N, C-alpha and C. Protein backbone atom coordinates (compact mmCIF):
# COMPACT_ATOMS: atom_id res chain seq x y z
N MET A 1 30.79 -18.83 -8.29
CA MET A 1 30.78 -17.19 -8.74
C MET A 1 31.52 -16.43 -7.61
N PRO A 2 32.43 -15.58 -8.53
CA PRO A 2 33.29 -15.06 -7.43
C PRO A 2 32.64 -13.87 -6.79
N SER A 3 32.87 -13.45 -5.47
CA SER A 3 32.53 -12.20 -5.12
C SER A 3 33.21 -10.71 -5.77
N PRO A 4 32.33 -9.90 -5.68
CA PRO A 4 32.76 -8.50 -6.28
C PRO A 4 33.79 -7.96 -5.12
N PRO A 5 34.80 -7.45 -5.76
CA PRO A 5 35.82 -6.85 -4.94
C PRO A 5 35.63 -6.17 -3.75
N ASP A 6 34.41 -5.35 -4.01
CA ASP A 6 33.95 -4.23 -2.88
C ASP A 6 33.04 -5.07 -1.73
N SER A 7 32.95 -6.21 -2.01
CA SER A 7 31.96 -6.84 -1.20
C SER A 7 32.68 -7.24 0.13
N LEU A 8 31.91 -7.23 1.14
CA LEU A 8 32.56 -7.67 2.40
C LEU A 8 32.10 -9.18 2.72
N TRP A 9 31.50 -10.07 2.17
CA TRP A 9 30.90 -11.14 2.46
C TRP A 9 30.97 -12.02 1.35
N PRO A 10 31.08 -13.12 1.40
CA PRO A 10 31.31 -14.16 0.14
C PRO A 10 29.94 -13.89 -0.99
N ALA A 11 30.03 -13.98 -1.93
CA ALA A 11 28.63 -14.19 -3.18
C ALA A 11 27.99 -15.18 -2.77
N ALA A 12 26.56 -14.82 -3.12
CA ALA A 12 25.55 -15.98 -3.00
C ALA A 12 25.98 -17.22 -3.70
N ALA A 13 25.78 -18.32 -3.51
CA ALA A 13 25.92 -19.75 -3.80
C ALA A 13 25.53 -19.76 -5.27
N CYS A 14 24.20 -19.43 -5.53
CA CYS A 14 23.60 -19.48 -6.80
C CYS A 14 22.53 -18.22 -7.00
N ASP A 15 22.19 -18.09 -8.21
CA ASP A 15 21.56 -16.75 -8.75
C ASP A 15 20.29 -16.51 -7.65
N ASN A 16 19.58 -17.53 -7.36
CA ASN A 16 18.37 -17.67 -6.98
C ASN A 16 18.77 -16.82 -5.12
N GLU A 17 19.93 -17.44 -4.62
CA GLU A 17 20.19 -16.66 -3.43
C GLU A 17 20.36 -15.16 -3.47
N LEU A 18 21.17 -14.63 -4.81
CA LEU A 18 21.24 -13.57 -5.02
C LEU A 18 19.87 -12.66 -4.77
N PHE A 19 18.80 -13.06 -5.48
CA PHE A 19 17.35 -12.26 -5.42
C PHE A 19 16.92 -12.37 -4.42
N ASP A 20 17.20 -13.06 -3.41
CA ASP A 20 16.57 -13.12 -2.14
C ASP A 20 17.27 -12.94 -0.70
N VAL A 21 18.45 -12.04 -0.85
CA VAL A 21 19.41 -11.68 0.11
C VAL A 21 18.89 -10.27 -0.01
N GLU A 22 18.84 -9.66 1.59
CA GLU A 22 18.80 -8.36 1.92
C GLU A 22 20.05 -8.03 2.12
N VAL A 23 20.41 -6.64 1.14
CA VAL A 23 21.43 -6.04 1.48
C VAL A 23 21.81 -5.01 2.31
N ILE A 24 22.69 -4.72 3.28
CA ILE A 24 22.83 -3.48 3.98
C ILE A 24 24.07 -3.03 3.69
N ALA A 25 23.56 -1.77 3.40
CA ALA A 25 24.87 -0.79 2.69
C ALA A 25 25.68 -0.19 3.75
N LEU A 26 27.11 -0.32 3.41
CA LEU A 26 28.06 0.14 4.15
C LEU A 26 28.48 1.47 3.40
N LEU A 27 29.15 2.48 3.80
CA LEU A 27 29.97 3.29 3.42
C LEU A 27 31.33 3.48 4.00
N SER A 28 32.07 4.20 3.12
CA SER A 28 33.47 4.28 3.80
C SER A 28 33.53 5.63 4.98
N ARG A 29 34.41 5.91 5.93
CA ARG A 29 34.27 6.91 6.73
C ARG A 29 34.28 8.17 6.32
N THR A 30 34.95 8.23 5.08
CA THR A 30 35.17 9.74 4.35
C THR A 30 33.42 9.96 4.04
N ASP A 31 33.02 8.82 3.15
CA ASP A 31 31.59 8.97 2.77
C ASP A 31 30.69 9.17 3.46
N PHE A 32 30.72 8.62 4.80
CA PHE A 32 29.63 8.60 5.84
C PHE A 32 29.60 10.09 6.36
N GLU A 33 30.73 10.67 6.59
CA GLU A 33 30.84 12.24 6.84
C GLU A 33 30.23 13.00 5.60
N ARG A 34 30.26 12.80 4.75
CA ARG A 34 30.08 13.58 3.67
C ARG A 34 28.41 13.46 3.48
N ALA A 35 28.07 12.04 3.62
CA ALA A 35 26.51 11.72 3.45
C ALA A 35 25.46 12.33 4.49
N ARG A 36 26.15 12.63 5.53
CA ARG A 36 25.30 13.28 6.63
C ARG A 36 24.69 14.54 6.14
N GLY A 37 25.54 15.11 4.84
CA GLY A 37 24.51 16.66 4.62
C GLY A 37 23.34 16.10 3.52
N THR A 38 23.45 14.87 3.03
CA THR A 38 22.52 14.60 2.27
C THR A 38 21.35 13.62 2.45
N ILE A 39 21.85 12.41 3.32
CA ILE A 39 20.98 11.58 3.80
C ILE A 39 20.65 11.99 5.39
N ALA A 40 19.69 12.20 5.65
CA ALA A 40 19.45 13.14 6.94
C ALA A 40 19.26 11.49 7.77
N ASP A 41 18.78 10.44 7.26
CA ASP A 41 18.62 9.14 8.34
C ASP A 41 20.38 8.84 9.20
N LEU A 42 21.10 9.47 8.74
CA LEU A 42 22.49 8.95 9.03
C LEU A 42 22.76 9.72 10.48
N PHE A 43 22.05 10.72 10.61
CA PHE A 43 22.41 11.55 12.02
C PHE A 43 21.66 10.65 13.06
N ARG A 44 20.84 9.59 13.01
CA ARG A 44 20.75 8.65 13.94
C ARG A 44 21.96 8.28 14.75
N TRP A 45 23.15 8.31 14.02
CA TRP A 45 24.49 7.75 14.70
C TRP A 45 25.40 9.00 15.09
N SER A 46 25.91 9.05 15.95
CA SER A 46 26.65 10.09 16.56
C SER A 46 28.03 10.12 15.84
N ASP A 47 28.51 8.87 14.79
CA ASP A 47 29.84 8.84 14.40
C ASP A 47 29.81 7.89 13.67
N PHE A 48 30.67 7.65 12.95
CA PHE A 48 31.03 6.48 12.03
C PHE A 48 31.13 4.98 12.68
N GLU A 49 31.81 5.00 13.69
CA GLU A 49 31.81 3.73 14.54
C GLU A 49 30.71 3.46 15.01
N ASP A 50 29.51 4.35 15.44
CA ASP A 50 28.57 4.05 16.00
C ASP A 50 27.56 3.24 14.67
N PHE A 51 27.46 4.09 13.42
CA PHE A 51 27.05 3.51 12.00
C PHE A 51 27.62 2.42 11.87
N LEU A 52 28.48 1.69 12.15
CA LEU A 52 29.39 0.50 11.53
C LEU A 52 28.78 -0.58 12.50
N CYS A 53 28.78 -0.08 13.66
CA CYS A 53 28.48 -0.83 14.80
C CYS A 53 27.10 -1.30 14.79
N GLU A 54 25.94 -0.50 14.39
CA GLU A 54 24.68 -0.71 14.24
C GLU A 54 24.52 -1.63 12.83
N ARG A 55 25.25 -1.11 11.83
CA ARG A 55 25.10 -1.95 10.49
C ARG A 55 25.36 -3.50 10.95
N ASP A 56 26.84 -3.50 11.22
CA ASP A 56 27.25 -4.79 11.91
C ASP A 56 26.03 -5.58 12.74
N GLY A 57 25.83 -5.13 13.75
CA GLY A 57 24.72 -5.62 14.34
C GLY A 57 23.50 -6.20 13.80
N GLU A 58 23.13 -5.36 13.04
CA GLU A 58 21.70 -5.69 12.05
C GLU A 58 22.09 -6.79 11.27
N PHE A 59 23.36 -6.71 10.50
CA PHE A 59 23.65 -8.07 9.85
C PHE A 59 23.94 -9.54 10.63
N LEU A 60 24.57 -9.55 11.90
CA LEU A 60 24.49 -10.14 12.50
C LEU A 60 23.48 -10.84 13.11
N ALA A 61 22.48 -9.87 13.45
CA ALA A 61 21.05 -10.40 14.44
C ALA A 61 20.46 -11.16 12.94
N LEU A 62 20.51 -10.57 12.05
CA LEU A 62 19.35 -11.16 10.78
C LEU A 62 20.02 -12.63 10.55
N SER A 63 21.24 -12.79 9.98
CA SER A 63 22.08 -13.63 9.63
C SER A 63 21.55 -15.04 10.92
N SER A 64 21.82 -14.33 12.17
CA SER A 64 21.84 -15.45 13.35
C SER A 64 20.30 -16.00 12.99
N ALA A 65 19.55 -15.18 12.91
CA ALA A 65 17.85 -15.57 12.84
C ALA A 65 17.53 -16.33 11.68
N GLY A 66 18.71 -16.36 10.74
CA GLY A 66 18.68 -17.34 9.74
C GLY A 66 18.12 -16.49 8.08
N ALA A 67 17.99 -15.40 8.35
CA ALA A 67 17.64 -14.58 7.04
C ALA A 67 19.17 -14.33 6.08
N ALA A 68 18.81 -14.41 4.67
CA ALA A 68 19.70 -14.28 3.86
C ALA A 68 20.31 -12.83 3.89
N VAL A 69 21.01 -12.53 4.16
CA VAL A 69 21.67 -10.96 4.49
C VAL A 69 22.91 -10.83 3.98
N SER A 70 23.41 -9.61 3.75
CA SER A 70 24.58 -9.42 3.06
C SER A 70 24.98 -7.75 3.21
N GLN A 71 26.09 -7.37 3.46
CA GLN A 71 26.54 -6.42 3.88
C GLN A 71 27.49 -6.01 2.57
N GLN A 72 27.12 -4.75 1.66
CA GLN A 72 27.90 -4.31 0.38
C GLN A 72 28.51 -2.77 0.75
N ARG A 73 29.68 -2.37 0.82
CA ARG A 73 30.37 -1.13 0.63
C ARG A 73 29.89 -0.29 -0.82
N VAL A 74 29.34 0.78 -0.68
CA VAL A 74 29.35 1.25 -1.94
C VAL A 74 29.82 2.96 -1.80
N PRO A 75 30.25 3.34 -3.25
CA PRO A 75 30.40 4.69 -3.14
C PRO A 75 29.55 5.84 -2.90
N LEU A 76 29.46 6.66 -2.25
CA LEU A 76 28.58 7.91 -2.25
C LEU A 76 28.08 8.64 -3.31
N ALA A 77 29.46 9.05 -4.13
CA ALA A 77 29.25 9.59 -5.39
C ALA A 77 28.10 8.56 -5.98
N ALA A 78 28.41 7.71 -6.18
CA ALA A 78 27.81 6.70 -7.14
C ALA A 78 26.08 6.71 -6.61
N PHE A 79 26.22 6.63 -5.49
CA PHE A 79 24.61 6.84 -4.95
C PHE A 79 24.10 7.95 -5.37
N ASN A 80 24.54 9.11 -4.93
CA ASN A 80 24.00 10.49 -5.33
C ASN A 80 23.66 10.64 -6.86
N ARG A 81 24.66 10.04 -7.83
CA ARG A 81 23.98 10.18 -9.10
C ARG A 81 22.85 9.10 -9.54
N TRP A 82 23.13 8.10 -8.76
CA TRP A 82 21.62 7.27 -8.99
C TRP A 82 20.37 7.74 -8.58
N ALA A 83 20.53 8.31 -7.26
CA ALA A 83 19.33 9.20 -6.87
C ALA A 83 18.96 10.37 -7.86
N ARG A 84 19.83 11.14 -8.23
CA ARG A 84 19.28 11.92 -9.36
C ARG A 84 18.86 11.38 -10.72
N LEU A 85 19.26 10.45 -11.10
CA LEU A 85 19.16 9.88 -12.13
C LEU A 85 17.71 9.29 -12.25
N THR A 86 17.35 8.39 -11.11
CA THR A 86 16.34 7.66 -11.02
C THR A 86 15.38 8.46 -10.20
N GLY A 87 15.29 9.71 -9.51
CA GLY A 87 14.52 10.36 -8.93
C GLY A 87 14.16 9.85 -7.24
N ARG A 88 15.02 8.58 -6.91
CA ARG A 88 15.03 8.26 -5.70
C ARG A 88 15.59 9.39 -4.69
N GLU A 89 14.75 9.25 -3.61
CA GLU A 89 15.09 10.21 -2.37
C GLU A 89 16.60 9.66 -1.82
N ARG A 90 17.12 10.30 -1.18
CA ARG A 90 18.32 9.78 -0.28
C ARG A 90 17.81 9.66 0.65
N THR A 91 17.76 8.44 1.12
CA THR A 91 17.31 7.71 2.49
C THR A 91 18.29 6.54 2.82
N LEU A 92 18.40 6.11 3.86
CA LEU A 92 18.97 4.92 4.36
C LEU A 92 18.53 3.62 3.34
N ALA A 93 17.28 3.54 3.66
CA ALA A 93 16.47 2.49 2.91
C ALA A 93 16.90 2.23 1.19
N ALA A 94 16.95 3.71 0.82
CA ALA A 94 17.59 3.86 -0.75
C ALA A 94 18.59 3.39 -0.87
N LEU A 95 19.69 3.74 0.04
CA LEU A 95 21.05 3.34 0.06
C LEU A 95 21.06 2.09 -0.39
N ASP A 96 20.14 1.34 0.74
CA ASP A 96 20.22 -0.11 1.17
C ASP A 96 20.04 -0.86 -0.42
N ASP A 97 18.80 -0.20 -1.18
CA ASP A 97 18.29 -0.78 -2.33
C ASP A 97 19.37 -0.65 -3.17
N PHE A 98 20.07 0.69 -3.22
CA PHE A 98 21.02 0.85 -4.19
C PHE A 98 22.36 -0.22 -4.23
N ALA A 99 22.63 -0.40 -2.94
CA ALA A 99 23.67 -1.52 -2.54
C ALA A 99 23.19 -2.75 -2.97
N ALA A 100 22.06 -2.86 -3.14
CA ALA A 100 21.72 -4.49 -3.61
C ALA A 100 21.75 -4.72 -5.11
N ARG A 101 21.64 -3.42 -5.68
CA ARG A 101 21.70 -3.43 -7.30
C ARG A 101 23.07 -3.42 -7.77
N TRP A 102 23.76 -2.59 -6.99
CA TRP A 102 25.25 -2.58 -7.36
C TRP A 102 25.86 -3.87 -7.10
N ARG A 103 25.46 -4.74 -6.04
CA ARG A 103 25.94 -6.12 -5.53
C ARG A 103 25.82 -7.09 -6.84
N VAL A 104 24.64 -7.05 -7.36
CA VAL A 104 24.02 -7.69 -8.47
C VAL A 104 24.85 -7.19 -9.99
N ARG A 105 24.92 -6.00 -9.95
CA ARG A 105 25.58 -5.66 -11.28
C ARG A 105 27.14 -6.10 -11.20
N ARG A 106 27.73 -5.88 -9.76
CA ARG A 106 29.03 -6.32 -9.78
C ARG A 106 29.35 -7.74 -10.02
N THR A 107 28.48 -8.34 -9.79
CA THR A 107 28.40 -9.87 -9.73
C THR A 107 28.05 -10.50 -11.02
N HIS A 108 26.98 -9.89 -11.82
CA HIS A 108 26.78 -9.89 -13.19
C HIS A 108 26.79 -8.97 -14.31
N PRO A 109 27.82 -8.63 -14.72
CA PRO A 109 27.73 -7.34 -15.51
C PRO A 109 27.33 -7.53 -16.86
N ASP A 110 27.21 -8.91 -16.79
CA ASP A 110 26.75 -9.21 -18.36
C ASP A 110 25.12 -9.06 -18.79
N TRP A 111 24.46 -9.39 -17.47
CA TRP A 111 23.17 -9.12 -17.50
C TRP A 111 22.32 -7.87 -17.99
N PRO A 112 21.09 -8.16 -18.90
CA PRO A 112 20.88 -7.11 -19.82
C PRO A 112 20.21 -6.11 -18.29
N VAL A 113 20.15 -4.81 -18.84
CA VAL A 113 19.46 -3.96 -17.77
C VAL A 113 18.09 -3.37 -18.35
N ARG A 114 17.07 -3.58 -17.38
CA ARG A 114 15.62 -2.88 -17.92
C ARG A 114 15.23 -1.76 -16.84
N GLY A 115 14.47 -0.89 -17.44
CA GLY A 115 13.87 0.11 -16.71
C GLY A 115 12.38 0.02 -16.31
N ALA A 116 12.12 0.26 -15.36
CA ALA A 116 10.50 0.41 -15.11
C ALA A 116 10.03 1.53 -14.46
N LEU A 117 9.31 2.19 -15.13
CA LEU A 117 8.80 3.59 -14.75
C LEU A 117 7.77 3.38 -13.94
N VAL A 118 7.94 4.14 -12.93
CA VAL A 118 7.06 4.02 -11.43
C VAL A 118 6.73 5.41 -11.12
N SER A 119 5.82 5.80 -10.36
CA SER A 119 5.52 7.08 -9.88
C SER A 119 6.39 7.13 -8.73
N SER A 120 6.66 8.71 -8.48
CA SER A 120 7.71 8.90 -7.68
C SER A 120 7.39 8.35 -5.99
N ASP A 121 5.99 8.13 -5.89
CA ASP A 121 5.74 7.60 -4.45
C ASP A 121 6.13 6.11 -4.25
N ALA A 122 6.17 5.36 -5.72
CA ALA A 122 6.34 3.98 -5.55
C ALA A 122 8.00 3.71 -5.30
N LEU A 123 8.67 4.79 -5.35
CA LEU A 123 10.09 4.87 -5.44
C LEU A 123 10.50 4.78 -3.88
N THR A 124 9.67 5.14 -2.90
CA THR A 124 9.89 4.96 -1.56
C THR A 124 9.80 3.43 -0.72
N SER A 125 9.32 2.62 -1.72
CA SER A 125 9.25 1.30 -1.49
C SER A 125 10.27 0.42 -1.88
N SER A 126 11.06 -0.63 -1.71
CA SER A 126 12.04 -1.47 -2.19
C SER A 126 11.38 -2.05 -3.39
N GLU A 127 12.16 -2.09 -4.46
CA GLU A 127 11.59 -2.98 -5.56
C GLU A 127 12.40 -4.10 -5.87
N ARG A 128 11.63 -5.10 -6.47
CA ARG A 128 12.58 -6.49 -6.91
C ARG A 128 13.92 -5.65 -7.65
N TYR A 129 15.09 -6.19 -7.35
CA TYR A 129 16.04 -5.30 -8.12
C TYR A 129 16.85 -6.59 -9.17
N SER A 130 16.36 -7.74 -9.66
CA SER A 130 16.64 -8.72 -10.09
C SER A 130 15.65 -9.62 -10.11
N LYS A 131 15.63 -10.49 -11.54
CA LYS A 131 14.91 -11.19 -11.79
C LYS A 131 15.21 -12.05 -13.12
N GLU A 132 15.29 -13.57 -13.27
CA GLU A 132 15.54 -13.96 -14.37
C GLU A 132 16.66 -13.99 -15.16
N GLY A 133 17.90 -13.26 -14.54
CA GLY A 133 19.05 -12.72 -15.13
C GLY A 133 18.86 -11.43 -15.69
N THR A 134 18.13 -10.62 -15.13
CA THR A 134 17.58 -9.42 -15.53
C THR A 134 18.14 -8.33 -14.36
N LEU A 135 18.71 -7.30 -14.43
CA LEU A 135 18.70 -6.32 -13.46
C LEU A 135 17.68 -5.02 -13.94
N PHE A 136 16.59 -4.87 -13.04
CA PHE A 136 15.69 -3.66 -13.01
C PHE A 136 15.97 -2.65 -12.40
N ILE A 137 15.89 -1.71 -12.96
CA ILE A 137 15.95 -0.30 -12.35
C ILE A 137 14.90 0.43 -12.37
N PRO A 138 14.28 1.06 -11.16
CA PRO A 138 12.76 1.62 -11.02
C PRO A 138 13.30 3.29 -11.38
N ILE A 139 12.54 3.69 -12.14
CA ILE A 139 12.78 5.15 -12.55
C ILE A 139 11.82 5.88 -12.62
N ALA A 140 11.60 7.30 -11.71
CA ALA A 140 10.32 8.15 -11.62
C ALA A 140 10.14 8.63 -13.02
N GLN A 141 8.83 8.47 -13.28
CA GLN A 141 8.34 8.86 -14.54
C GLN A 141 8.59 10.14 -14.85
N ASP A 142 8.51 11.17 -14.04
CA ASP A 142 9.04 12.74 -14.09
C ASP A 142 10.47 12.68 -14.66
N ILE A 143 11.41 11.91 -13.89
CA ILE A 143 12.68 12.04 -14.44
C ILE A 143 13.07 11.46 -15.72
N TYR A 144 12.34 10.49 -16.01
CA TYR A 144 12.37 9.96 -17.48
C TYR A 144 11.96 10.66 -18.47
N SER A 145 10.63 11.37 -18.04
CA SER A 145 10.00 12.29 -19.22
C SER A 145 11.21 13.51 -19.78
N LYS A 146 11.89 13.86 -18.45
CA LYS A 146 12.87 15.03 -18.63
C LYS A 146 13.94 14.69 -19.47
N TRP A 147 14.46 13.22 -19.19
CA TRP A 147 15.78 13.11 -20.06
C TRP A 147 15.15 12.69 -21.48
N ASP A 148 14.03 12.03 -22.02
CA ASP A 148 13.38 11.74 -23.29
C ASP A 148 13.38 13.13 -23.98
N ARG A 149 12.87 14.10 -23.24
CA ARG A 149 12.91 15.43 -23.97
C ARG A 149 14.19 15.96 -24.24
N SER A 150 14.82 16.03 -23.46
CA SER A 150 16.24 16.65 -23.70
C SER A 150 16.85 15.84 -24.53
N VAL A 151 16.79 14.73 -24.73
CA VAL A 151 17.43 13.66 -25.63
C VAL A 151 17.05 13.76 -27.06
N ALA A 152 15.48 13.70 -27.19
CA ALA A 152 14.83 14.16 -28.34
C ALA A 152 15.29 15.55 -29.11
N ILE A 153 15.55 16.63 -28.48
CA ILE A 153 15.98 17.85 -28.82
C ILE A 153 17.25 17.62 -29.59
N LEU A 154 18.18 16.87 -28.63
CA LEU A 154 19.54 16.50 -29.23
C LEU A 154 19.72 15.96 -30.62
N LYS A 155 18.75 14.87 -30.59
CA LYS A 155 18.71 13.92 -31.60
C LYS A 155 20.08 12.89 -31.55
N LEU A 156 20.31 12.33 -30.31
CA LEU A 156 21.30 11.75 -30.25
C LEU A 156 21.12 10.21 -30.33
N PHE A 157 19.87 9.60 -30.32
CA PHE A 157 19.63 8.44 -30.69
C PHE A 157 18.56 8.67 -31.54
N ARG A 158 18.38 7.41 -32.55
CA ARG A 158 17.35 7.23 -33.28
C ARG A 158 15.88 7.20 -32.70
N ASN A 159 16.07 6.44 -31.70
CA ASN A 159 14.81 6.02 -30.88
C ASN A 159 15.18 6.59 -29.28
N PRO A 160 15.27 7.49 -29.11
CA PRO A 160 15.53 8.17 -27.60
C PRO A 160 14.66 7.51 -26.76
N ASN A 161 13.19 7.36 -26.97
CA ASN A 161 12.63 6.74 -25.73
C ASN A 161 12.31 5.63 -25.47
N SER A 162 13.22 5.01 -24.88
CA SER A 162 13.53 3.44 -24.57
C SER A 162 13.62 4.00 -23.11
N ILE A 163 12.92 3.72 -22.49
CA ILE A 163 13.11 3.35 -20.71
C ILE A 163 14.27 2.55 -20.30
N ASP A 164 14.38 1.32 -21.62
CA ASP A 164 15.76 0.14 -21.26
C ASP A 164 16.96 1.10 -21.42
N ARG A 165 17.06 1.82 -22.43
CA ARG A 165 18.12 2.51 -22.78
C ARG A 165 18.65 3.54 -21.58
N TYR A 166 17.84 4.29 -21.21
CA TYR A 166 18.01 5.29 -20.09
C TYR A 166 18.26 4.55 -18.96
N ALA A 167 17.98 3.23 -18.46
CA ALA A 167 18.06 2.39 -17.50
C ALA A 167 19.34 1.69 -17.80
N ALA A 168 20.06 1.26 -18.82
CA ALA A 168 21.21 1.07 -19.48
C ALA A 168 22.57 1.86 -19.18
N LEU A 169 22.15 3.35 -19.19
CA LEU A 169 22.82 4.44 -19.10
C LEU A 169 23.20 4.61 -17.76
N ILE A 170 22.32 4.42 -16.71
CA ILE A 170 22.18 4.45 -15.45
C ILE A 170 23.17 3.28 -14.74
N ALA A 171 22.81 2.25 -15.04
CA ALA A 171 23.72 1.50 -14.73
C ALA A 171 25.09 1.32 -15.07
N GLU A 172 25.46 1.76 -16.23
CA GLU A 172 26.99 2.03 -16.64
C GLU A 172 27.42 3.45 -16.08
N ILE A 173 26.66 4.57 -15.42
CA ILE A 173 27.18 5.58 -14.82
C ILE A 173 27.24 5.38 -13.46
N CYS A 174 26.29 4.64 -12.63
CA CYS A 174 26.04 4.70 -11.16
C CYS A 174 26.71 3.24 -10.88
N LEU A 175 26.61 2.04 -11.66
CA LEU A 175 27.02 0.91 -10.83
C LEU A 175 28.60 0.39 -11.49
N VAL A 176 28.85 1.18 -11.76
CA VAL A 176 30.24 0.49 -11.92
C VAL A 176 31.65 1.50 -11.44
N ARG A 177 32.32 0.45 -10.53
CA ARG A 177 33.61 1.57 -9.93
C ARG A 177 34.65 1.55 -10.93
N ARG A 178 34.96 2.82 -11.26
CA ARG A 178 35.95 3.20 -11.87
C ARG A 178 37.32 3.37 -11.31
N SER A 179 38.42 3.23 -12.06
CA SER A 179 39.40 3.26 -11.03
C SER A 179 39.64 4.96 -11.10
N SER A 180 40.28 5.08 -9.92
CA SER A 180 40.62 6.68 -9.55
C SER A 180 42.15 6.83 -10.19
N ARG A 181 42.69 5.68 -10.61
CA ARG A 181 44.22 6.40 -11.13
C ARG A 181 43.95 6.46 -12.73
N ARG A 182 44.80 7.29 -13.19
CA ARG A 182 44.85 7.84 -14.39
C ARG A 182 45.92 6.79 -14.83
N ARG A 183 45.24 6.33 -16.21
CA ARG A 183 46.22 5.39 -16.79
C ARG A 183 47.04 6.36 -18.09
N HIS A 184 48.21 6.01 -18.10
CA HIS A 184 49.50 6.88 -18.91
C HIS A 184 49.59 6.02 -20.27
């Protein structure tokens, strides 16, 4: 299985390893500076180099201890959309959770996407992000309800109240890297 092009480490050897891997999110230098305005956890580090050094240290410590761990670079814009569309708070733990889903989606773009309605409180804990060839996306009930009402008014879909349809839209909007270059 090939690694996603934005992954910093090789892909898991088999799908079961993909499920049990802890993912440590990394941001680009520019995204780190921007993220400090929305992710308060990032003020623990004085600058980008400190952030990168500690995240690398965490990776080395966990992998040296035998834990299945990986690092994944993710774009801040995609994470911010993810947080808004799922109801997830903007924290370092949420960024790591997003990076895990990003990695699964990049490695397995053909897997079906399923939504899981959860209370806003449950979103603070890390949810299982994949199982048996399916990518799960936890979505706050109030966020989904707002989407469902607005789509029902617009009559865009025959059956707008599908949590799986909403989850698939989130995956398409947030878990796919689009080229920044325009095609002519």
